């Protein structure tokens, strides 16, 4: 009986932590991109994006925009875990819109809004 309390406590704390982490990811505040920033974005060629193709240095081109996802990958918050690595150094528009390694559905509006804070420029090609 005296072993039951610590087990219950661990289960309650672990489940609370799990739900906190889930809600924290969904409710992250993503700064809105100012129009001035959008028009002054640097242009990158696909060959420049291709130079950043690893977990430690990951750029993705999606729908004409370039994103540096390196810090997002290292944070461990990506629900698809390693699936994001398939797009490093590539035009990942198709991967983003079809998620062939996962649900095979387009990413959510939440994911699209989160991307804004990782945008570093536009694709020049």
PDB file of N, CA and C in Angstrom:
ATOM      1  N   UNK A   1       0.817  -1.199   0.000  1.00  0.00           N
ATOM      2  CA  UNK A   1       0.000   0.000   0.000  1.00  0.00           C
ATOM      3  C   UNK A   1       0.864   1.269   0.000  1.00  0.00           C
ATOM      4  N   UNK A   2       2.002   1.216   0.741  1.00  0.00           N
ATOM      5  CA  UNK A   2       2.801   2.433   0.796  1.00  0.00           C
ATOM      6  C   UNK A   2       3.547   2.691  -0.514  1.00  0.00           C
ATOM      7  N   UNK A   3       3.594   1.718  -1.425  1.00  0.00           N
ATOM      8  CA  UNK A   3       4.195   1.920  -2.744  1.00  0.00           C
ATOM      9  C   UNK A   3       3.198   2.497  -3.746  1.00  0.00           C
ATOM     10  N   UNK A   4       1.935   2.436  -3.412  1.00  0.00           N
ATOM     11  CA  UNK A   4       0.897   2.903  -4.326  1.00  0.00           C
ATOM     12  C   UNK A   4       0.906   4.421  -4.476  1.00  0.00           C
ATOM     13  N   UNK A   5       1.090   5.157  -3.402  1.00  0.00           N
ATOM     14  CA  UNK A   5       1.089   6.620  -3.468  1.00  0.00           C
ATOM     15  C   UNK A   5       2.168   7.171  -4.401  1.00  0.00           C
ATOM     16  N   UNK A   6       3.429   6.729  -4.299  1.00  0.00           N
ATOM     17  CA  UNK A   6       4.442   7.260  -5.222  1.00  0.00           C
ATOM     18  C   UNK A   6       4.129   6.936  -6.686  1.00  0.00           C
ATOM     19  N   UNK A   7       3.564   5.786  -6.953  1.00  0.00           N
ATOM     20  CA  UNK A   7       3.226   5.418  -8.324  1.00  0.00           C
ATOM     21  C   UNK A   7       2.134   6.331  -8.847  1.00  0.00           C
ATOM     22  N   UNK A   8       1.109   6.565  -8.057  1.00  0.00           N
ATOM     23  CA  UNK A   8       0.024   7.463  -8.467  1.00  0.00           C
ATOM     24  C   UNK A   8       0.566   8.872  -8.680  1.00  0.00           C
ATOM     25  N   UNK A   9       1.422   9.325  -7.789  1.00  0.00           N
ATOM     26  CA  UNK A   9       2.012  10.655  -7.907  1.00  0.00           C
ATOM     27  C   UNK A   9       2.812  10.786  -9.207  1.00  0.00           C
ATOM     28  N   UNK A  10       3.594   9.790  -9.542  1.00  0.00           N
ATOM     29  CA  UNK A  10       4.386   9.818 -10.770  1.00  0.00           C
ATOM     30  C   UNK A  10       3.483   9.854 -11.992  1.00  0.00           C
ATOM     31  N   UNK A  11       2.426   9.056 -11.997  1.00  0.00           N
ATOM     32  CA  UNK A  11       1.498   9.031 -13.128  1.00  0.00           C
ATOM     33  C   UNK A  11       0.814  10.385 -13.288  1.00  0.00           C
ATOM     34  N   UNK A  12       0.376  10.988 -12.194  1.00  0.00           N
ATOM     35  CA  UNK A  12      -0.299  12.286 -12.254  1.00  0.00           C
ATOM     36  C   UNK A  12       0.658  13.367 -12.748  1.00  0.00           C
ATOM     37  N   UNK A  13       1.862  13.399 -12.223  1.00  0.00           N
ATOM     38  CA  UNK A  13       2.839  14.408 -12.637  1.00  0.00           C
ATOM     39  C   UNK A  13       3.252  14.222 -14.098  1.00  0.00           C
ATOM     40  N   UNK A  14       3.469  12.990 -14.508  1.00  0.00           N
ATOM     41  CA  UNK A  14       3.870  12.737 -15.892  1.00  0.00           C
ATOM     42  C   UNK A  14       2.763  13.130 -16.869  1.00  0.00           C
ATOM     43  N   UNK A  15       1.523  12.791 -16.549  1.00  0.00           N
ATOM     44  CA  UNK A  15       0.428  13.155 -17.457  1.00  0.00           C
ATOM     45  C   UNK A  15       0.228  14.664 -17.476  1.00  0.00           C
ATOM     46  N   UNK A  16       0.384  15.320 -16.350  1.00  0.00           N
ATOM     47  CA  UNK A  16       0.277  16.781 -16.308  1.00  0.00           C
ATOM     48  C   UNK A  16       1.350  17.434 -17.154  1.00  0.00           C
ATOM     49  N   UNK A  17       2.567  16.920 -17.066  1.00  0.00           N
ATOM     50  CA  UNK A  17       3.668  17.453 -17.869  1.00  0.00           C
ATOM     51  C   UNK A  17       3.401  17.238 -19.349  1.00  0.00           C
ATOM     52  N   UNK A  18       2.913  16.061 -19.717  1.00  0.00           N
ATOM     53  CA  UNK A  18       2.606  15.757 -21.119  1.00  0.00           C
ATOM     54  C   UNK A  18       1.577  16.734 -21.668  1.00  0.00           C
ATOM     55  N   UNK A  19       0.486  16.951 -20.945  1.00  0.00           N
ATOM     56  CA  UNK A  19      -0.551  17.855 -21.434  1.00  0.00           C
ATOM     57  C   UNK A  19      -0.084  19.310 -21.444  1.00  0.00           C
ATOM     58  N   UNK A  20       0.780  19.687 -20.504  1.00  0.00           N
ATOM     59  CA  UNK A  20       1.354  21.028 -20.515  1.00  0.00           C
ATOM     60  C   UNK A  20       2.177  21.238 -21.773  1.00  0.00           C
ATOM     61  N   UNK A  21       3.027  20.256 -22.110  1.00  0.00           N
ATOM     62  CA  UNK A  21       3.868  20.367 -23.303  1.00  0.00           C
ATOM     63  C   UNK A  21       3.022  20.460 -24.562  1.00  0.00           C
ATOM     64  N   UNK A  22       1.966  19.651 -24.649  1.00  0.00           N
ATOM     65  CA  UNK A  22       1.090  19.677 -25.819  1.00  0.00           C
ATOM     66  C   UNK A  22       0.414  21.037 -25.948  1.00  0.00           C
ATOM     67  N   UNK A  23      -0.114  21.568 -24.856  1.00  0.00           N
ATOM     68  CA  UNK A  23      -0.812  22.854 -24.923  1.00  0.00           C
ATOM     69  C   UNK A  23       0.172  23.992 -25.161  1.00  0.00           C
ATOM     70  N   UNK A  24       1.381  23.863 -24.665  1.00  0.00           N
ATOM     71  CA  UNK A  24       2.389  24.900 -24.849  1.00  0.00           C
ATOM     72  C   UNK A  24       2.767  25.030 -26.326  1.00  0.00           C
ATOM     73  N   UNK A  25       2.878  23.908 -27.030  1.00  0.00           N
ATOM     74  CA  UNK A  25       3.210  23.949 -28.458  1.00  0.00           C
ATOM     75  C   UNK A  25       2.064  24.552 -29.247  1.00  0.00           C
ATOM     76  N   UNK A  26       0.830  24.150 -28.955  1.00  0.00           N
ATOM     77  CA  UNK A  26      -0.319  24.651 -29.695  1.00  0.00           C
ATOM     78  C   UNK A  26      -0.564  26.126 -29.451  1.00  0.00           C
ATOM     79  N   UNK A  27      -0.243  26.605 -28.270  1.00  0.00           N
ATOM     80  CA  UNK A  27      -0.557  27.987 -27.913  1.00  0.00           C
ATOM     81  C   UNK A  27       0.646  28.911 -27.998  1.00  0.00           C
ATOM     82  N   UNK A  28       1.698  28.486 -28.672  1.00  0.00           N
ATOM     83  CA  UNK A  28       2.848  29.364 -28.813  1.00  0.00           C
ATOM     84  C   UNK A  28       2.434  30.635 -29.537  1.00  0.00           C
ATOM     85  N   UNK A  29       2.924  31.732 -29.030  1.00  0.00           N
ATOM     86  CA  UNK A  29       2.641  33.003 -29.672  1.00  0.00           C
ATOM     87  C   UNK A  29       3.653  33.195 -30.786  1.00  0.00           C
ATOM     88  N   UNK A  30       3.151  33.313 -31.982  1.00  0.00           N
ATOM     89  CA  UNK A  30       4.008  33.510 -33.139  1.00  0.00           C
ATOM     90  C   UNK A  30       3.888  34.962 -33.558  1.00  0.00           C
ATOM     91  N   UNK A  31       5.005  35.677 -33.586  1.00  0.00           N
ATOM     92  CA  UNK A  31       4.921  37.085 -33.960  1.00  0.00           C
ATOM     93  C   UNK A  31       4.434  37.238 -35.391  1.00  0.00           C
ATOM     94  N   UNK A  32       3.573  38.197 -35.594  1.00  0.00           N
ATOM     95  CA  UNK A  32       3.081  38.487 -36.932  1.00  0.00           C
ATOM     96  C   UNK A  32       4.192  39.153 -37.722  1.00  0.00           C
ATOM     97  N   UNK A  33       4.353  38.762 -38.960  1.00  0.00           N
ATOM     98  CA  UNK A  33       5.364  39.366 -39.827  1.00  0.00           C
ATOM     99  C   UNK A  33       4.842  40.709 -40.311  1.00  0.00           C
ATOM    100  N   UNK A  34       5.629  41.741 -40.116  1.00  0.00           N
ATOM    101  CA  UNK A  34       5.228  43.072 -40.569  1.00  0.00           C
ATOM    102  C   UNK A  34       5.383  43.159 -42.075  1.00  0.00           C
ATOM    103  N   UNK A  35       4.509  43.894 -42.708  1.00  0.00           N
ATOM    104  CA  UNK A  35       4.543  44.019 -44.162  1.00  0.00           C
ATOM    105  C   UNK A  35       5.892  44.550 -44.643  1.00  0.00           C
ATOM    106  N   UNK A  36       6.490  45.476 -43.913  1.00  0.00           N
ATOM    107  CA  UNK A  36       7.786  46.031 -44.300  1.00  0.00           C
ATOM    108  C   UNK A  36       8.850  44.938 -44.319  1.00  0.00           C
ATOM    109  N   UNK A  37       8.785  44.017 -43.349  1.00  0.00           N
ATOM    110  CA  UNK A  37       9.744  42.929 -43.310  1.00  0.00           C
ATOM    111  C   UNK A  37       9.559  42.006 -44.505  1.00  0.00           C
ATOM    112  N   UNK A  38       8.312  41.767 -44.885  1.00  0.00           N
ATOM    113  CA  UNK A  38       8.021  40.878 -46.002  1.00  0.00           C
ATOM    114  C   UNK A  38       8.586  41.434 -47.300  1.00  0.00           C
ATOM    115  N   UNK A  39       8.421  42.716 -47.525  1.00  0.00           N
ATOM    116  CA  UNK A  39       8.902  43.301 -48.780  1.00  0.00           C
ATOM    117  C   UNK A  39      10.414  43.451 -48.813  1.00  0.00           C
ATOM    118  N   UNK A  40      11.069  43.459 -47.659  1.00  0.00           N
ATOM    119  CA  UNK A  40      12.522  43.620 -47.607  1.00  0.00           C
ATOM    120  C   UNK A  40      13.253  42.306 -47.368  1.00  0.00           C
ATOM    121  N   UNK A  41      12.590  41.195 -47.582  1.00  0.00           N
ATOM    122  CA  UNK A  41      13.216  39.896 -47.358  1.00  0.00           C
ATOM    123  C   UNK A  41      14.325  39.657 -48.374  1.00  0.00           C
ATOM    124  N   UNK A  42      15.374  39.025 -47.903  1.00  0.00           N
ATOM    125  CA  UNK A  42      16.489  38.673 -48.777  1.00  0.00           C
ATOM    126  C   UNK A  42      16.035  37.567 -49.732  1.00  0.00           C
ATOM    127  N   UNK A  43      16.604  37.551 -50.912  1.00  0.00           N
ATOM    128  CA  UNK A  43      16.302  36.528 -51.918  1.00  0.00           C
ATOM    129  C   UNK A  43      17.398  35.465 -51.892  1.00  0.00           C
ATOM    130  N   UNK A  44      16.997  34.207 -51.887  1.00  0.00           N
ATOM    131  CA  UNK A  44      17.940  33.090 -51.904  1.00  0.00           C
ATOM    132  C   UNK A  44      17.638  32.192 -53.092  1.00  0.00           C
ATOM    133  N   UNK A  45      18.682  31.719 -53.727  1.00  0.00           N
ATOM    134  CA  UNK A  45      18.506  30.759 -54.816  1.00  0.00           C
ATOM    135  C   UNK A  45      18.349  29.363 -54.206  1.00  0.00           C
ATOM    136  N   UNK A  46      17.798  28.457 -54.996  1.00  0.00           N
ATOM    137  CA  UNK A  46      17.660  27.079 -54.524  1.00  0.00           C
ATOM    138  C   UNK A  46      19.041  26.467 -54.281  1.00  0.00           C
ATOM    139  N   UNK A  47      20.045  26.870 -55.069  1.00  0.00           N
ATOM    140  CA  UNK A  47      21.403  26.343 -54.843  1.00  0.00           C
ATOM    141  C   UNK A  47      21.948  26.796 -53.488  1.00  0.00           C
ATOM    142  N   UNK A  48      21.561  27.983 -53.020  1.00  0.00           N
ATOM    143  CA  UNK A  48      21.973  28.438 -51.688  1.00  0.00           C
ATOM    144  C   UNK A  48      21.250  27.619 -50.609  1.00  0.00           C
ATOM    145  N   UNK A  49      19.974  27.359 -50.806  1.00  0.00           N
ATOM    146  CA  UNK A  49      19.203  26.541 -49.858  1.00  0.00           C
ATOM    147  C   UNK A  49      19.818  25.147 -49.754  1.00  0.00           C
ATOM    148  N   UNK A  50      20.253  24.590 -50.874  1.00  0.00           N
ATOM    149  CA  UNK A  50      20.818  23.237 -50.912  1.00  0.00           C
ATOM    150  C   UNK A  50      22.078  23.099 -50.053  1.00  0.00           C
ATOM    151  N   UNK A  51      22.755  24.189 -49.754  1.00  0.00           N
ATOM    152  CA  UNK A  51      23.961  24.157 -48.909  1.00  0.00           C
ATOM    153  C   UNK A  51      23.624  23.912 -47.442  1.00  0.00           C
ATOM    154  N   UNK A  52      22.352  24.017 -47.095  1.00  0.00           N
ATOM    155  CA  UNK A  52      21.911  23.894 -45.697  1.00  0.00           C
ATOM    156  C   UNK A  52      20.994  22.674 -45.578  1.00  0.00           C
ATOM    157  N   UNK A  53      21.609  21.495 -45.649  1.00  0.00           N
ATOM    158  CA  UNK A  53      20.832  20.265 -45.789  1.00  0.00           C
ATOM    159  C   UNK A  53      21.029  19.254 -44.662  1.00  0.00           C
ATOM    160  N   UNK A  54      21.376  19.729 -43.478  1.00  0.00           N
ATOM    161  CA  UNK A  54      21.609  18.797 -42.371  1.00  0.00           C
ATOM    162  C   UNK A  54      20.765  19.179 -41.158  1.00  0.00           C
ATOM    163  N   UNK A  55      20.727  18.295 -40.200  1.00  0.00           N
ATOM    164  CA  UNK A  55      19.998  18.540 -38.956  1.00  0.00           C
ATOM    165  C   UNK A  55      20.575  19.755 -38.221  1.00  0.00           C
ATOM    166  N   UNK A  56      21.868  19.951 -38.337  1.00  0.00           N
ATOM    167  CA  UNK A  56      22.550  21.048 -37.658  1.00  0.00           C
ATOM    168  C   UNK A  56      22.448  22.369 -38.414  1.00  0.00           C
ATOM    169  N   UNK A  57      21.998  22.328 -39.652  1.00  0.00           N
ATOM    170  CA  UNK A  57      21.897  23.528 -40.486  1.00  0.00           C
ATOM    171  C   UNK A  57      20.852  23.248 -41.572  1.00  0.00           C
ATOM    172  N   UNK A  58      19.602  23.504 -41.239  1.00  0.00           N
ATOM    173  CA  UNK A  58      18.498  23.099 -42.109  1.00  0.00           C
ATOM    174  C   UNK A  58      17.690  24.287 -42.605  1.00  0.00           C
ATOM    175  N   UNK A  59      17.765  24.522 -43.911  1.00  0.00           N
ATOM    176  CA  UNK A  59      16.907  25.502 -44.559  1.00  0.00           C
ATOM    177  C   UNK A  59      15.929  24.745 -45.443  1.00  0.00           C
ATOM    178  N   UNK A  60      14.726  25.264 -45.529  1.00  0.00           N
ATOM    179  CA  UNK A  60      13.708  24.684 -46.395  1.00  0.00           C
ATOM    180  C   UNK A  60      13.088  25.781 -47.241  1.00  0.00           C
ATOM    181  N   UNK A  61      12.792  25.470 -48.480  1.00  0.00           N
ATOM    182  CA  UNK A  61      12.034  26.380 -49.333  1.00  0.00           C
ATOM    183  C   UNK A  61      10.616  25.816 -49.416  1.00  0.00           C
ATOM    184  N   UNK A  62       9.657  26.636 -49.045  1.00  0.00           N
ATOM    185  CA  UNK A  62       8.256  26.205 -49.067  1.00  0.00           C
ATOM    186  C   UNK A  62       7.420  27.333 -49.633  1.00  0.00           C
ATOM    187  N   UNK A  63       6.723  27.028 -50.713  1.00  0.00           N
ATOM    188  CA  UNK A  63       5.815  27.978 -51.358  1.00  0.00           C
ATOM    189  C   UNK A  63       6.475  29.334 -51.628  1.00  0.00           C
ATOM    190  N   UNK A  64       7.713  29.279 -52.131  1.00  0.00           N
ATOM    191  CA  UNK A  64       8.408  30.493 -52.530  1.00  0.00           C
ATOM    192  C   UNK A  64       9.092  31.249 -51.409  1.00  0.00           C
ATOM    193  N   UNK A  65       9.057  30.716 -50.222  1.00  0.00           N
ATOM    194  CA  UNK A  65       9.721  31.360 -49.083  1.00  0.00           C
ATOM    195  C   UNK A  65      10.818  30.441 -48.554  1.00  0.00           C
ATOM    196  N   UNK A  66      11.820  31.028 -47.910  1.00  0.00           N
ATOM    197  CA  UNK A  66      12.935  30.257 -47.368  1.00  0.00           C
ATOM    198  C   UNK A  66      12.895  30.350 -45.848  1.00  0.00           C
ATOM    199  N   UNK A  67      13.034  29.202 -45.202  1.00  0.00           N
ATOM    200  CA  UNK A  67      12.959  29.112 -43.746  1.00  0.00           C
ATOM    201  C   UNK A  67      14.214  28.440 -43.197  1.00  0.00           C
ATOM    202  N   UNK A  68      14.723  28.958 -42.078  1.00  0.00           N
ATOM    203  CA  UNK A  68      15.809  28.310 -41.356  1.00  0.00           C
ATOM    204  C   UNK A  68      15.170  27.562 -40.189  1.00  0.00           C
ATOM    205  N   UNK A  69      15.041  26.255 -40.328  1.00  0.00           N
ATOM    206  CA  UNK A  69      14.353  25.424 -39.335  1.00  0.00           C
ATOM    207  C   UNK A  69      15.307  24.797 -38.325  1.00  0.00           C
ATOM    208  N   UNK A  70      16.565  25.193 -38.335  1.00  0.00           N
ATOM    209  CA  UNK A  70      17.572  24.579 -37.479  1.00  0.00           C
ATOM    210  C   UNK A  70      17.179  24.621 -35.999  1.00  0.00           C
ATOM    211  N   UNK A  71      16.792  25.780 -35.506  1.00  0.00           N
ATOM    212  CA  UNK A  71      16.453  25.885 -34.076  1.00  0.00           C
ATOM    213  C   UNK A  71      15.173  25.122 -33.751  1.00  0.00           C
ATOM    214  N   UNK A  72      14.245  25.062 -34.688  1.00  0.00           N
ATOM    215  CA  UNK A  72      13.004  24.318 -34.463  1.00  0.00           C
ATOM    216  C   UNK A  72      13.297  22.825 -34.377  1.00  0.00           C
ATOM    217  N   UNK A  73      14.179  22.339 -35.222  1.00  0.00           N
ATOM    218  CA  UNK A  73      14.551  20.924 -35.185  1.00  0.00           C
ATOM    219  C   UNK A  73      15.224  20.593 -33.863  1.00  0.00           C
ATOM    220  N   UNK A  74      16.163  21.422 -33.437  1.00  0.00           N
ATOM    221  CA  UNK A  74      16.884  21.146 -32.188  1.00  0.00           C
ATOM    222  C   UNK A  74      15.999  21.285 -30.956  1.00  0.00           C
ATOM    223  N   UNK A  75      14.881  22.026 -31.077  1.00  0.00           N
ATOM    224  CA  UNK A  75      13.969  22.164 -29.937  1.00  0.00           C
ATOM    225  C   UNK A  75      13.226  20.870 -29.640  1.00  0.00           C
ATOM    226  N   UNK A  76      13.083  20.012 -30.643  1.00  0.00           N
ATOM    227  CA  UNK A  76      12.364  18.748 -30.452  1.00  0.00           C
ATOM    228  C   UNK A  76      10.856  18.890 -30.481  1.00  0.00           C
ATOM    229  N   UNK A  77      10.326  20.078 -30.822  1.00  0.00           N
ATOM    230  CA  UNK A  77       8.882  20.299 -30.822  1.00  0.00           C
ATOM    231  C   UNK A  77       8.176  19.784 -32.069  1.00  0.00           C
ATOM    232  N   UNK A  78       8.903  19.462 -33.117  1.00  0.00           N
ATOM    233  CA  UNK A  78       8.236  19.038 -34.349  1.00  0.00           C
ATOM    234  C   UNK A  78       7.510  17.715 -34.100  1.00  0.00           C
ATOM    235  N   UNK A  79       6.186  17.708 -34.243  1.00  0.00           N
ATOM    236  CA  UNK A  79       5.417  16.489 -33.966  1.00  0.00           C
ATOM    237  C   UNK A  79       5.818  15.305 -34.843  1.00  0.00           C
ATOM    238  N   UNK A  80       6.282  15.584 -36.049  1.00  0.00           N
ATOM    239  CA  UNK A  80       6.698  14.509 -36.951  1.00  0.00           C
ATOM    240  C   UNK A  80       8.127  14.056 -36.731  1.00  0.00           C
ATOM    241  N   UNK A  81       8.740  14.580 -35.687  1.00  0.00           N
ATOM    242  CA  UNK A  81      10.135  14.272 -35.314  1.00  0.00           C
ATOM    243  C   UNK A  81      11.071  14.393 -36.523  1.00  0.00           C
ATOM    244  N   UNK A  82      11.682  13.312 -36.964  1.00  0.00           N
ATOM    245  CA  UNK A  82      12.715  13.361 -38.010  1.00  0.00           C
ATOM    246  C   UNK A  82      12.160  13.599 -39.410  1.00  0.00           C
ATOM    247  N   UNK A  83      10.863  13.556 -39.604  1.00  0.00           N
ATOM    248  CA  UNK A  83      10.288  13.740 -40.936  1.00  0.00           C
ATOM    249  C   UNK A  83      10.678  15.084 -41.538  1.00  0.00           C
ATOM    250  N   UNK A  84      10.847  16.090 -40.712  1.00  0.00           N
ATOM    251  CA  UNK A  84      11.208  17.424 -41.206  1.00  0.00           C
ATOM    252  C   UNK A  84      12.576  17.409 -41.890  1.00  0.00           C
ATOM    253  N   UNK A  85      13.426  16.487 -41.497  1.00  0.00           N
ATOM    254  CA  UNK A  85      14.774  16.414 -42.066  1.00  0.00           C
ATOM    255  C   UNK A  85      14.753  16.050 -43.550  1.00  0.00           C
ATOM    256  N   UNK A  86      13.674  15.433 -44.011  1.00  0.00           N
ATOM    257  CA  UNK A  86      13.545  15.078 -45.429  1.00  0.00           C
ATOM    258  C   UNK A  86      13.542  16.328 -46.320  1.00  0.00           C
ATOM    259  N   UNK A  87      13.133  17.468 -45.760  1.00  0.00           N
ATOM    260  CA  UNK A  87      13.044  18.694 -46.546  1.00  0.00           C
ATOM    261  C   UNK A  87      14.249  19.603 -46.459  1.00  0.00           C
ATOM    262  N   UNK A  88      15.201  19.280 -45.599  1.00  0.00           N
ATOM    263  CA  UNK A  88      16.374  20.141 -45.430  1.00  0.00           C
ATOM    264  C   UNK A  88      17.145  20.280 -46.735  1.00  0.00           C
ATOM    265  N   UNK A  89      17.409  21.535 -47.118  1.00  0.00           N
ATOM    266  CA  UNK A  89      18.181  21.816 -48.312  1.00  0.00           C
ATOM    267  C   UNK A  89      17.417  21.630 -49.613  1.00  0.00           C
ATOM    268  N   UNK A  90      16.087  21.610 -49.527  1.00  0.00           N
ATOM    269  CA  UNK A  90      15.278  21.337 -50.723  1.00  0.00           C
ATOM    270  C   UNK A  90      14.103  22.298 -50.823  1.00  0.00           C
ATOM    271  N   UNK A  91      13.485  22.274 -51.999  1.00  0.00           N
ATOM    272  CA  UNK A  91      12.172  22.889 -52.125  1.00  0.00           C
ATOM    273  C   UNK A  91      11.217  21.852 -51.532  1.00  0.00           C
ATOM    274  N   UNK A  92      10.763  22.096 -50.335  1.00  0.00           N
ATOM    275  CA  UNK A  92       9.971  21.129 -49.578  1.00  0.00           C
ATOM    276  C   UNK A  92       8.475  21.400 -49.659  1.00  0.00           C
ATOM    277  N   UNK A  93       8.044  22.159 -50.641  1.00  0.00           N
ATOM    278  CA  UNK A  93       6.628  22.501 -50.772  1.00  0.00           C
ATOM    279  C   UNK A  93       5.755  21.254 -50.835  1.00  0.00           C
ATOM    280  N   UNK A  94       6.125  20.324 -51.673  1.00  0.00           N
ATOM    281  CA  UNK A  94       5.336  19.101 -51.820  1.00  0.00           C
ATOM    282  C   UNK A  94       5.316  18.301 -50.516  1.00  0.00           C
ATOM    283  N   UNK A  95       6.477  18.168 -49.867  1.00  0.00           N
ATOM    284  CA  UNK A  95       6.540  17.452 -48.591  1.00  0.00           C
ATOM    285  C   UNK A  95       5.656  18.120 -47.546  1.00  0.00           C
ATOM    286  N   UNK A  96       5.698  19.442 -47.499  1.00  0.00           N
ATOM    287  CA  UNK A  96       4.914  20.193 -46.514  1.00  0.00           C
ATOM    288  C   UNK A  96       3.416  20.033 -46.762  1.00  0.00           C
ATOM    289  N   UNK A  97       3.039  20.026 -48.025  1.00  0.00           N
ATOM    290  CA  UNK A  97       1.610  19.967 -48.357  1.00  0.00           C
ATOM    291  C   UNK A  97       1.027  18.563 -48.399  1.00  0.00           C
ATOM    292  N   UNK A  98       1.884  17.538 -48.440  1.00  0.00           N
ATOM    293  CA  UNK A  98       1.354  16.170 -48.512  1.00  0.00           C
ATOM    294  C   UNK A  98       1.784  15.276 -47.355  1.00  0.00           C
ATOM    295  N   UNK A  99       2.789  15.655 -46.605  1.00  0.00           N
ATOM    296  CA  UNK A  99       3.331  14.857 -45.496  1.00  0.00           C
ATOM    297  C   UNK A  99       3.350  13.363 -45.823  1.00  0.00           C
ATOM    298  N   UNK A 100       4.134  12.964 -46.827  1.00  0.00           N
ATOM    299  CA  UNK A 100       4.128  11.557 -47.248  1.00  0.00           C
ATOM    300  C   UNK A 100       4.634  10.579 -46.189  1.00  0.00           C
ATOM    301  N   UNK A 101       5.450  11.049 -45.225  1.00  0.00           N
ATOM    302  CA  UNK A 101       5.951  10.163 -44.180  1.00  0.00           C
ATOM    303  C   UNK A 101       5.022  10.124 -42.972  1.00  0.00           C
ATOM    304  N   UNK A 102       3.952  10.903 -43.008  1.00  0.00           N
ATOM    305  CA  UNK A 102       3.062  10.982 -41.845  1.00  0.00           C
ATOM    306  C   UNK A 102       1.615  10.773 -42.214  1.00  0.00           C
ATOM    307  N   UNK A 103       0.801  11.781 -41.936  1.00  0.00           N
ATOM    308  CA  UNK A 103      -0.648  11.657 -42.091  1.00  0.00           C
ATOM    309  C   UNK A 103      -1.121  11.759 -43.538  1.00  0.00           C
ATOM    310  N   UNK A 104      -0.226  12.168 -44.419  1.00  0.00           N
ATOM    311  CA  UNK A 104      -0.552  12.345 -45.842  1.00  0.00           C
ATOM    312  C   UNK A 104      -1.589  13.450 -46.075  1.00  0.00           C
ATOM    313  N   UNK A 105      -1.647  14.385 -45.149  1.00  0.00           N
ATOM    314  CA  UNK A 105      -2.540  15.541 -45.257  1.00  0.00           C
ATOM    315  C   UNK A 105      -1.712  16.818 -45.182  1.00  0.00           C
ATOM    316  N   UNK A 106      -2.230  17.932 -45.679  1.00  0.00           N
ATOM    317  CA  UNK A 106      -1.486  19.198 -45.572  1.00  0.00           C
ATOM    318  C   UNK A 106      -1.290  19.598 -44.109  1.00  0.00           C
ATOM    319  N   UNK A 107      -0.253  20.377 -43.861  1.00  0.00           N
ATOM    320  CA  UNK A 107      -0.034  20.898 -42.510  1.00  0.00           C
ATOM    321  C   UNK A 107      -1.186  21.837 -42.129  1.00  0.00           C
ATOM    322  N   UNK A 108      -1.386  21.986 -40.851  1.00  0.00           N
ATOM    323  CA  UNK A 108      -2.470  22.807 -40.315  1.00  0.00           C
ATOM    324  C   UNK A 108      -2.178  24.299 -40.436  1.00  0.00           C
ATOM    325  N   UNK A 109      -3.201  25.102 -40.168  1.00  0.00           N
ATOM    326  CA  UNK A 109      -3.025  26.560 -40.140  1.00  0.00           C
ATOM    327  C   UNK A 109      -2.078  26.963 -39.012  1.00  0.00           C
ATOM    328  N   UNK A 110      -2.116  26.229 -37.917  1.00  0.00           N
ATOM    329  CA  UNK A 110      -1.204  26.516 -36.797  1.00  0.00           C
ATOM    330  C   UNK A 110       0.242  26.358 -37.262  1.00  0.00           C
ATOM    331  N   UNK A 111       0.519  25.275 -37.989  1.00  0.00           N
ATOM    332  CA  UNK A 111       1.881  25.054 -38.498  1.00  0.00           C
ATOM    333  C   UNK A 111       2.279  26.165 -39.459  1.00  0.00           C
ATOM    334  N   UNK A 112       1.350  26.582 -40.299  1.00  0.00           N
ATOM    335  CA  UNK A 112       1.651  27.643 -41.263  1.00  0.00           C
ATOM    336  C   UNK A 112       1.949  28.967 -40.551  1.00  0.00           C
ATOM    337  N   UNK A 113       1.234  29.244 -39.481  1.00  0.00           N
ATOM    338  CA  UNK A 113       1.490  30.477 -38.724  1.00  0.00           C
ATOM    339  C   UNK A 113       2.822  30.400 -37.983  1.00  0.00           C
ATOM    340  N   UNK A 114       3.146  29.227 -37.460  1.00  0.00           N
ATOM    341  CA  UNK A 114       4.419  29.060 -36.741  1.00  0.00           C
ATOM    342  C   UNK A 114       5.610  29.276 -37.667  1.00  0.00           C
ATOM    343  N   UNK A 115       5.446  28.923 -38.934  1.00  0.00           N
ATOM    344  CA  UNK A 115       6.547  29.047 -39.880  1.00  0.00           C
ATOM    345  C   UNK A 115       7.039  30.477 -40.024  1.00  0.00           C
ATOM    346  N   UNK A 116       6.166  31.433 -39.838  1.00  0.00           N
ATOM    347  CA  UNK A 116       6.513  32.838 -40.057  1.00  0.00           C
ATOM    348  C   UNK A 116       7.744  33.267 -39.270  1.00  0.00           C
ATOM    349  N   UNK A 117       7.891  32.756 -38.064  1.00  0.00           N
ATOM    350  CA  UNK A 117       9.032  33.200 -37.262  1.00  0.00           C
ATOM    351  C   UNK A 117      10.357  32.588 -37.704  1.00  0.00           C
ATOM    352  N   UNK A 118      10.305  31.613 -38.608  1.00  0.00           N
ATOM    353  CA  UNK A 118      11.521  30.994 -39.117  1.00  0.00           C
ATOM    354  C   UNK A 118      11.881  31.467 -40.526  1.00  0.00           C
ATOM    355  N   UNK A 119      11.052  32.316 -41.112  1.00  0.00           N
ATOM    356  CA  UNK A 119      11.320  32.789 -42.474  1.00  0.00           C
ATOM    357  C   UNK A 119      12.528  33.724 -42.468  1.00  0.00           C
ATOM    358  N   UNK A 120      13.460  33.440 -43.388  1.00  0.00           N
ATOM    359  CA  UNK A 120      14.652  34.280 -43.507  1.00  0.00           C
ATOM    360  C   UNK A 120      14.700  34.983 -44.847  1.00  0.00           C
ATOM    361  N   UNK A 121      13.833  34.608 -45.764  1.00  0.00           N
ATOM    362  CA  UNK A 121      13.841  35.245 -47.078  1.00  0.00           C
ATOM    363  C   UNK A 121      12.860  34.597 -48.026  1.00  0.00           C
ATOM    364  N   UNK A 122      13.036  34.960 -49.284  1.00  0.00           N
ATOM    365  CA  UNK A 122      12.194  34.426 -50.351  1.00  0.00           C
ATOM    366  C   UNK A 122      13.064  33.657 -51.337  1.00  0.00           C
ATOM    367  N   UNK A 123      12.454  32.710 -52.025  1.00  0.00           N
ATOM    368  CA  UNK A 123      13.150  31.953 -53.047  1.00  0.00           C
ATOM    369  C   UNK A 123      13.218  32.792 -54.318  1.00  0.00           C
ATOM    370  N   UNK A 124      14.405  32.933 -54.881  1.00  0.00           N
ATOM    371  CA  UNK A 124      14.561  33.800 -56.041  1.00  0.00           C
ATOM    372  C   UNK A 124      14.229  33.108 -57.355  1.00  0.00           C
ATOM    373  N   UNK A 125      14.129  31.811 -57.357  1.00  0.00           N
ATOM    374  CA  UNK A 125      13.868  31.081 -58.611  1.00  0.00           C
ATOM    375  C   UNK A 125      12.420  30.738 -58.754  1.00  0.00           C
TER     376      UNK A 125
END
